[in-house]
Amino acid sequence: MDFNVKKLASDAGVFFTRAVQFTEEKLGQAEKTELDAHLENLIARGDCTKNWTEKIFRQTEVLLQPNPIDNTGARIEEFFYEKLDRKIPSRTTNGELLGQYMLDAAKDFGPGTPYGSTLITVGEYQKRLGGAEREFLQTSAISFLTPLRNFLEGDWRTISKERRLLENRRLDLDVCKARLKKAKLAEAKAALWSEEVDKAEHELRVAQTEFDRQAEVTRLLLEGISSTHVNHLRCLHEFVEAQAAYYAQCHKLMQELQKDLSSANGDSIPNAFVINPSTSGMSVCSPHSVTSLPGASSPSRSLVSTNTLEPETLKIEEVKPPATGTRKAKVLYDYHAADTSELSLFSDELITVYTMPGMDPDWLIGERGNEKGKVPVTYLELLS
């Protein structure tokens, strides 16, 4: 091993000198050359760009691959492929894996059974969704993640290297300034010091030239961040377009899946979950269970009209409220009467309601002042 003691001692001396110089600058005991305001602004803008680019890059990685274990494995795999200069193979997505599991399960359960055939249908769509996800991940990695990574690992490393070199040039310049100042103070003591002053002035001119040159290089690199912003803006647009196309494709596939399931199992699925009122002792959907959900959407008109009370069975003008049994009800939604036997309702108003023997349980008699008519229970919230 070639162990250079002199170089090691020199590096240690430089490190110690720099540490002392930084400490004196912090304490205000040493002169510090300030950078011009434009360069300082460029440096601050560069640091801001680096910090936010790094955060956006890391969080985008988490968004595209949220599983930490898979993410770690993927990064290691990508590292090896990059070092070998080979193309990274496409990975099976979770959606594709789920779809394959469903298809395999259908073989064991029987493709001809309702459950097996449905598993096949859903599994095929899950594989298509997984394929769409894989394309989105690949597009996003190429159009968005790669440019951000190239900036962080390429341009910013170069900028950081030149900034460190600029800082060293500044420290050297300050040392030369301090040396010249000491030489001038001791110039009157002996003629020998005139040579020291000349030497210090020469070193200062050289240090100043090197500092100015390095400041210009650093300034040009930092000004290039503006073009980096333009490039990242274009990449951001491409990322959003890929994301929008992916979600639109997912929405389309899910609509097709729902349509296929409705056409294939529309008759069998509801019948499998129907509750027999004679055996359960309760209705599948009681009026009170519906009215207990104020946030529920307005019932369809077609559903209400199927259970209307026939006009000949009950004449509204002859109906009189019972002595007991009337209740107050709050109207949940606007309702337009279908005929003269019904009462139109307005959202949030309070009306009096009661029932009559033989009435359809989905309807009540409602009164508002001198107006009276049938009202659907599903549009009301019964109050105690």
Protein backbone atom coordinates (compact mmCIF):
# COMPACT_ATOMS: atom_id res chain seq x y z
CA MET A 1 0.00 0.00 0.00
CA ASP A 2 1.33 3.40 -1.01
CA PHE A 3 0.90 5.40 2.18
CA ASN A 4 1.85 9.04 1.61
CA VAL A 5 2.49 10.52 5.04
CA LYS A 6 3.27 13.97 3.70
CA LYS A 7 -0.01 14.17 1.77
CA LEU A 8 -1.95 12.94 4.79
CA ALA A 9 -0.29 15.55 7.00
CA SER A 10 -0.96 18.26 4.42
CA ASP A 11 -4.65 17.34 4.15
CA ALA A 12 -4.95 17.28 7.93
CA GLY A 13 -3.34 20.71 8.13
CA VAL A 14 -5.71 22.14 5.52
CA PHE A 15 -8.70 20.66 7.33
CA PHE A 16 -7.56 22.16 10.64
CA THR A 17 -6.92 25.55 9.03
CA ARG A 18 -10.35 25.54 7.40
CA ALA A 19 -12.00 24.64 10.72
CA VAL A 20 -10.23 27.52 12.48
CA GLN A 21 -11.16 29.89 9.65
CA PHE A 22 -14.84 28.91 9.74
CA THR A 23 -14.88 29.36 13.51
CA GLU A 24 -13.32 32.81 13.32
CA GLU A 25 -15.80 33.82 10.62
CA LYS A 26 -18.71 32.74 12.80
CA LEU A 27 -17.30 34.74 15.71
CA GLY A 28 -16.65 37.78 13.51
CA GLN A 29 -12.89 37.59 14.08
CA ALA A 30 -11.95 36.93 10.45
CA GLU A 31 -12.74 38.67 7.19
CA LYS A 32 -15.25 36.92 4.94
CA THR A 33 -15.71 37.70 1.26
CA GLU A 34 -19.41 37.99 0.52
CA LEU A 35 -20.86 36.75 -2.74
CA ASP A 36 -22.80 39.19 -4.90
CA ALA A 37 -26.57 39.33 -4.37
CA HIS A 38 -27.39 37.72 -7.74
CA LEU A 39 -25.23 34.70 -7.03
CA GLU A 40 -26.67 34.39 -3.52
CA ASN A 41 -30.19 34.37 -4.96
CA LEU A 42 -29.20 31.73 -7.49
CA ILE A 43 -27.76 29.54 -4.73
CA ALA A 44 -30.91 29.89 -2.61
CA ARG A 45 -33.09 29.07 -5.63
CA GLY A 46 -30.90 26.08 -6.44
CA ASP A 47 -31.20 24.70 -2.90
CA CYS A 48 -34.97 25.16 -3.01
CA THR A 49 -35.18 23.35 -6.36
CA LYS A 50 -33.06 20.48 -5.11
CA ASN A 51 -35.03 20.02 -1.88
CA TRP A 52 -38.48 20.05 -3.49
CA THR A 53 -37.41 17.96 -6.47
CA GLU A 54 -36.09 15.33 -4.08
CA LYS A 55 -39.33 15.31 -2.06
CA ILE A 56 -41.52 15.12 -5.16
CA PHE A 57 -39.37 12.35 -6.59
CA ARG A 58 -39.49 10.24 -3.42
CA GLN A 59 -43.23 10.71 -2.92
CA THR A 60 -43.95 9.88 -6.56
CA GLU A 61 -42.03 6.66 -6.08
CA VAL A 62 -44.20 5.88 -3.06
CA LEU A 63 -47.35 6.71 -5.06
CA LEU A 64 -46.38 4.45 -7.94
CA GLN A 65 -45.13 1.63 -5.71
CA PRO A 66 -46.65 2.03 -2.22
CA ASN A 67 -45.55 -1.33 -0.79
CA PRO A 68 -42.26 -0.64 1.07
CA ILE A 69 -41.04 -4.24 0.72
CA ASP A 70 -41.72 -4.36 -3.00
CA ASN A 71 -40.29 -0.87 -3.34
CA THR A 72 -37.01 -1.89 -1.72
CA GLY A 73 -36.76 -5.01 -3.86
CA ALA A 74 -37.57 -3.05 -6.99
CA ARG A 75 -34.87 -0.46 -6.25
CA ILE A 76 -32.23 -3.14 -5.70
CA GLU A 77 -33.24 -4.84 -8.93
CA GLU A 78 -33.15 -1.55 -10.83
CA PHE A 79 -29.70 -0.81 -9.39
CA PHE A 80 -28.25 -4.08 -10.67
CA TYR A 81 -29.81 -3.71 -14.11
CA GLU A 82 -28.51 -0.14 -14.39
CA LYS A 83 -25.00 -1.27 -13.45
CA LEU A 84 -25.19 -4.06 -16.02
CA ASP A 85 -26.55 -1.58 -18.58
CA ARG A 86 -29.51 -3.81 -19.33
CA LYS A 87 -33.20 -3.02 -19.76
CA ILE A 88 -35.28 -3.48 -16.63
CA PRO A 89 -37.92 -6.19 -17.26
CA SER A 90 -41.59 -5.40 -16.72
CA ARG A 91 -42.95 -6.70 -13.42
CA THR A 92 -46.25 -8.39 -12.72
CA THR A 93 -48.56 -5.94 -11.00
CA ASN A 94 -50.74 -6.78 -8.01
CA GLY A 95 -53.83 -6.52 -10.20
CA GLU A 96 -52.48 -9.05 -12.68
CA LEU A 97 -51.52 -11.39 -9.85
CA LEU A 98 -54.99 -11.10 -8.30
CA GLY A 99 -56.59 -11.84 -11.67
CA GLN A 100 -54.46 -14.93 -12.13
CA TYR A 101 -55.40 -16.18 -8.65
CA MET A 102 -59.07 -15.77 -9.52
CA LEU A 103 -58.66 -17.68 -12.77
CA ASP A 104 -56.81 -20.50 -11.00
CA ALA A 105 -59.48 -20.63 -8.28
CA ALA A 106 -62.22 -20.87 -10.93
CA LYS A 107 -60.61 -24.02 -12.32
CA ASP A 108 -60.85 -25.70 -8.91
CA PHE A 109 -64.35 -24.45 -8.10
CA GLY A 110 -65.66 -25.32 -11.54
CA PRO A 111 -65.94 -22.88 -14.46
CA GLY A 112 -69.57 -23.90 -14.94
CA THR A 113 -70.67 -22.88 -11.45
CA PRO A 114 -72.01 -19.35 -10.85
CA TYR A 115 -69.10 -18.51 -8.55
CA GLY A 116 -66.50 -20.03 -10.88
CA SER A 117 -67.80 -18.26 -13.99
CA THR A 118 -67.93 -14.95 -12.12
CA LEU A 119 -64.37 -15.46 -10.91
CA ILE A 120 -63.29 -15.95 -14.50
CA THR A 121 -64.99 -12.75 -15.61
CA VAL A 122 -63.64 -10.66 -12.75
CA GLY A 123 -60.19 -12.25 -13.00
CA GLU A 124 -59.85 -11.37 -16.67
CA TYR A 125 -60.78 -7.77 -15.98
CA GLN A 126 -58.36 -7.62 -13.03
CA LYS A 127 -55.58 -8.74 -15.33
CA ARG A 128 -56.52 -6.04 -17.82
CA LEU A 129 -56.55 -3.45 -15.03
CA GLY A 130 -53.15 -4.71 -13.90
CA GLY A 131 -51.83 -4.40 -17.43
CA ALA A 132 -53.09 -0.81 -17.62
CA GLU A 133 -51.37 -0.11 -14.30
CA ARG A 134 -48.10 -1.58 -15.57
CA GLU A 135 -48.21 0.65 -18.66
CA PHE A 136 -48.93 3.68 -16.47
CA LEU A 137 -46.00 2.87 -14.18
CA GLN A 138 -43.63 2.46 -17.11
CA THR A 139 -44.79 5.68 -18.77
CA SER A 140 -44.53 7.65 -15.52
CA ALA A 141 -41.07 6.28 -14.78
CA ILE A 142 -39.78 7.30 -18.20
CA SER A 143 -41.52 10.65 -18.60
CA PHE A 144 -41.41 11.95 -15.00
CA LEU A 145 -39.23 10.01 -12.56
CA THR A 146 -36.23 9.62 -14.85
CA PRO A 147 -35.79 13.37 -15.55
CA LEU A 148 -36.06 14.17 -11.84
CA ARG A 149 -33.53 11.47 -11.00
CA ASN A 150 -31.17 12.68 -13.73
CA PHE A 151 -31.26 16.19 -12.25
CA LEU A 152 -30.58 15.00 -8.71
CA GLU A 153 -27.87 12.50 -9.64
CA GLY A 154 -26.34 14.45 -12.52
CA ASP A 155 -26.81 18.20 -12.74
CA TRP A 156 -27.13 18.79 -9.02
CA ARG A 157 -24.02 16.76 -8.20
CA THR A 158 -22.06 18.88 -10.67
CA ILE A 159 -23.47 22.08 -9.16
CA SER A 160 -22.66 20.87 -5.64
CA LYS A 161 -19.10 20.03 -6.66
CA GLU A 162 -18.55 23.48 -8.19
CA ARG A 163 -20.10 25.16 -5.15
CA ARG A 164 -17.69 23.34 -2.84
CA LEU A 165 -14.84 24.42 -5.08
CA LEU A 166 -16.13 28.01 -4.98
CA GLU A 167 -16.22 27.89 -1.19
CA ASN A 168 -12.60 26.71 -1.12
CA ARG A 169 -11.60 29.51 -3.50
CA ARG A 170 -13.33 32.00 -1.22
CA LEU A 171 -11.48 30.68 1.82
CA ASP A 172 -8.17 30.87 -0.05
CA LEU A 173 -8.96 34.44 -1.07
CA ASP A 174 -9.73 35.42 2.52
CA VAL A 175 -6.46 33.85 3.69
CA CYS A 176 -4.56 35.89 1.10
CA LYS A 177 -6.35 39.06 2.19
CA ALA A 178 -5.47 38.40 5.81
CA ARG A 179 -1.84 37.64 4.89
CA LEU A 180 -1.49 40.87 2.89
CA LYS A 181 -2.97 42.87 5.72
CA LYS A 182 -0.44 41.45 8.19
CA ALA A 183 2.43 42.07 5.77
CA LYS A 184 1.49 45.71 5.32
CA LEU A 185 1.29 46.23 9.07
CA ALA A 186 4.84 44.90 9.47
CA GLU A 187 6.21 46.59 6.34
CA ALA A 188 7.85 49.48 8.23
CA LYS A 189 9.92 47.22 10.48
CA ALA A 190 12.44 46.06 7.84
CA ALA A 191 13.11 46.22 4.14
CA LEU A 192 12.63 42.47 4.01
CA TRP A 193 8.92 42.90 4.55
CA SER A 194 8.53 44.72 1.25
CA GLU A 195 9.18 41.43 -0.49
CA GLU A 196 6.57 39.76 1.70
CA VAL A 197 4.05 42.44 0.75
CA ASP A 198 4.75 41.94 -2.95
CA LYS A 199 4.41 38.19 -2.56
CA ALA A 200 1.16 38.54 -0.62
CA GLU A 201 -0.24 40.92 -3.24
CA HIS A 202 0.66 38.49 -6.02
CA GLU A 203 -0.99 35.61 -4.16
CA LEU A 204 -4.07 37.75 -3.56
CA ARG A 205 -4.35 38.59 -7.28
CA VAL A 206 -4.08 34.91 -8.18
CA ALA A 207 -6.62 33.91 -5.54
CA GLN A 208 -8.99 36.68 -6.66
CA THR A 209 -8.74 35.54 -10.28
CA GLU A 210 -9.42 31.92 -9.37
CA PHE A 211 -12.33 32.94 -7.15
CA ASP A 212 -13.89 35.12 -9.87
CA ARG A 213 -13.49 32.36 -12.44
CA GLN A 214 -15.09 29.79 -10.15
CA ALA A 215 -17.92 32.17 -9.23
CA GLU A 216 -18.68 32.61 -12.94
CA VAL A 217 -18.74 28.83 -13.51
CA THR A 218 -21.03 28.35 -10.54
CA ARG A 219 -23.28 31.19 -11.67
CA LEU A 220 -23.70 29.72 -15.16
CA LEU A 221 -24.59 26.30 -13.73
CA LEU A 222 -27.12 27.76 -11.31
CA GLU A 223 -28.72 29.88 -14.04
CA GLY A 224 -29.27 26.63 -15.94
CA ILE A 225 -31.81 25.62 -13.29
CA SER A 226 -34.33 27.80 -15.12
CA SER A 227 -34.17 25.46 -18.10
CA THR A 228 -34.46 22.58 -15.64
CA HIS A 229 -37.76 24.02 -14.41
CA VAL A 230 -39.02 24.22 -18.00
CA ASN A 231 -38.04 20.60 -18.61
CA HIS A 232 -39.67 19.43 -15.37
CA LEU A 233 -42.82 21.40 -16.26
CA ARG A 234 -43.10 19.49 -19.54
CA CYS A 235 -42.51 16.20 -17.70
CA LEU A 236 -45.21 17.12 -15.18
CA HIS A 237 -47.72 17.63 -17.99
CA GLU A 238 -46.82 14.23 -19.44
CA PHE A 239 -47.24 12.62 -16.03
CA VAL A 240 -50.71 14.13 -15.59
CA GLU A 241 -51.73 13.02 -19.08
CA ALA A 242 -50.57 9.47 -18.37
CA GLN A 243 -52.39 9.48 -15.05
CA ALA A 244 -55.62 10.77 -16.63
CA ALA A 245 -55.44 8.15 -19.41
CA TYR A 246 -54.85 5.40 -16.83
CA TYR A 247 -57.81 6.38 -14.64
CA ALA A 248 -60.05 6.78 -17.70
CA GLN A 249 -59.10 3.29 -18.85
CA CYS A 250 -59.76 1.88 -15.37
CA HIS A 251 -63.16 3.59 -15.29
CA LYS A 252 -64.06 2.17 -18.69
CA LEU A 253 -62.98 -1.35 -17.72
CA MET A 254 -64.95 -1.23 -14.48
CA GLN A 255 -68.07 -0.10 -16.31
CA GLU A 256 -67.67 -2.97 -18.75
CA LEU A 257 -67.15 -5.38 -15.86
CA GLN A 258 -70.30 -4.19 -14.09
CA LYS A 259 -72.25 -4.51 -17.33
CA ASP A 260 -70.98 -8.04 -17.92
CA LEU A 261 -71.78 -9.08 -14.36
CA SER A 262 -75.26 -7.58 -14.59
CA SER A 263 -76.05 -9.36 -17.85
CA ALA A 264 -74.59 -12.68 -16.70
CA ASN A 265 -75.79 -12.80 -13.10
CA GLY A 266 -78.52 -10.17 -12.97
CA ASP A 267 -81.20 -12.73 -12.22
CA SER A 268 -79.34 -15.12 -9.95
CA ILE A 269 -77.48 -12.71 -7.67
CA PRO A 270 -80.51 -10.78 -6.29
CA ASN A 271 -82.48 -14.00 -5.72
CA ALA A 272 -79.67 -15.43 -3.67
CA PHE A 273 -80.03 -12.66 -1.09
CA VAL A 274 -83.80 -12.12 -1.01
CA ILE A 275 -85.28 -12.38 2.48
CA ASN A 276 -88.64 -14.12 2.66
CA PRO A 277 -91.00 -11.90 4.68
CA SER A 278 -93.05 -14.88 5.80
CA THR A 279 -90.03 -16.55 7.43
CA SER A 280 -88.22 -13.51 8.72
CA GLY A 281 -91.23 -11.68 10.09
CA MET A 282 -90.05 -8.41 8.57
CA SER A 283 -90.02 -6.62 5.24
CA VAL A 284 -86.88 -6.51 3.15
CA CYS A 285 -86.96 -2.73 3.23
CA SER A 286 -89.29 -1.25 5.82
CA PRO A 287 -90.39 2.37 5.56
CA HIS A 288 -88.85 3.27 8.91
CA SER A 289 -85.48 1.82 7.95
CA VAL A 290 -85.42 4.05 4.88
CA THR A 291 -86.50 7.22 6.62
CA SER A 292 -83.81 6.75 9.25
CA LEU A 293 -81.18 7.70 6.67
CA PRO A 294 -81.45 11.46 6.13
CA GLY A 295 -78.42 11.42 3.85
CA ALA A 296 -79.89 8.85 1.49
CA SER A 297 -80.56 9.88 -2.09
CA SER A 298 -84.06 10.67 -3.26
CA PRO A 299 -86.02 7.52 -4.15
CA SER A 300 -86.88 7.05 -7.77
CA ARG A 301 -90.35 8.03 -8.89
CA SER A 302 -90.91 4.67 -10.55
CA LEU A 303 -90.39 2.83 -7.25
CA VAL A 304 -92.90 4.99 -5.44
CA SER A 305 -95.56 4.82 -8.12
CA THR A 306 -95.68 1.01 -8.09
CA ASN A 307 -97.17 0.96 -4.61
CA THR A 308 -99.70 3.78 -4.88
CA LEU A 309 -103.11 3.32 -3.33
CA GLU A 310 -105.88 2.85 -5.87
CA PRO A 311 -108.22 5.87 -5.97
CA GLU A 312 -111.36 3.76 -5.72
CA THR A 313 -110.21 2.12 -2.47
CA LEU A 314 -109.77 5.40 -0.62
CA LYS A 315 -111.32 8.81 -1.25
CA ILE A 316 -109.05 11.47 0.19
CA GLU A 317 -111.80 14.02 0.71
CA GLU A 318 -113.69 11.55 2.93
CA VAL A 319 -110.67 10.67 5.09
CA LYS A 320 -110.66 12.16 8.58
CA PRO A 321 -107.69 12.10 10.95
CA PRO A 322 -108.01 9.64 13.84
CA ALA A 323 -108.44 10.93 17.35
CA THR A 324 -105.03 9.53 18.21
CA GLY A 325 -102.12 8.33 16.14
CA THR A 326 -101.18 11.50 14.22
CA ARG A 327 -97.48 12.37 14.01
CA LYS A 328 -95.30 15.14 12.77
CA ALA A 329 -92.94 14.42 9.90
CA LYS A 330 -90.12 16.36 8.26
CA VAL A 331 -89.97 16.27 4.47
CA LEU A 332 -86.59 15.10 3.17
CA TYR A 333 -87.01 15.78 -0.55
CA ASP A 334 -89.33 17.68 -2.87
CA TYR A 335 -92.16 15.53 -4.23
CA HIS A 336 -94.59 16.42 -7.01
CA ALA A 337 -98.01 14.84 -6.74
CA ALA A 338 -98.84 12.41 -9.53
CA ASP A 339 -102.62 13.01 -9.27
CA THR A 340 -105.23 14.77 -7.14
CA SER A 341 -105.14 12.04 -4.49
CA GLU A 342 -101.53 12.88 -3.61
CA LEU A 343 -100.02 15.84 -1.74
CA SER A 344 -97.02 17.68 -3.14
CA LEU A 345 -94.14 18.06 -0.68
CA PHE A 346 -91.40 20.63 -0.23
CA SER A 347 -88.01 19.81 1.30
CA ASP A 348 -87.55 20.63 5.03
CA GLU A 349 -91.22 21.48 5.72
CA LEU A 350 -93.17 19.89 8.60
CA ILE A 351 -96.51 18.16 7.98
CA THR A 352 -98.94 16.04 9.98
CA VAL A 353 -99.23 12.40 8.92
CA TYR A 354 -101.33 9.39 9.89
CA THR A 355 -102.38 6.08 8.42
CA MET A 356 -105.73 4.47 7.68
CA PRO A 357 -106.75 0.80 7.84
CA GLY A 358 -106.02 -0.99 4.58
CA MET A 359 -103.50 1.57 3.32
CA ASP A 360 -100.29 0.53 1.62
CA PRO A 361 -97.57 0.66 4.31
CA ASP A 362 -95.36 2.69 1.97
CA TRP A 363 -97.85 5.57 2.01
CA LEU A 364 -99.38 7.85 4.65
CA ILE A 365 -102.03 10.54 4.68
CA GLY A 366 -100.40 13.95 4.96
CA GLU A 367 -101.98 17.25 5.93
CA ARG A 368 -100.68 20.78 5.49
CA GLY A 369 -103.25 23.33 6.64
CA ASN A 370 -106.37 22.73 4.53
CA GLU A 371 -104.46 20.53 2.02
CA LYS A 372 -104.59 16.77 2.32
CA GLY A 373 -103.30 13.83 0.26
CA LYS A 374 -101.26 10.68 0.12
CA VAL A 375 -97.50 11.05 0.65
CA PRO A 376 -94.71 8.46 0.24
CA VAL A 377 -93.07 7.34 3.48
CA THR A 378 -89.62 7.29 1.88
CA TYR A 379 -89.73 11.07 1.47
CA LEU A 380 -90.32 11.65 5.20
CA GLU A 381 -88.47 11.57 8.47
CA LEU A 382 -91.02 10.66 11.13
CA LEU A 383 -90.64 12.69 14.30
CA SER A 384 -91.63 11.55 17.79
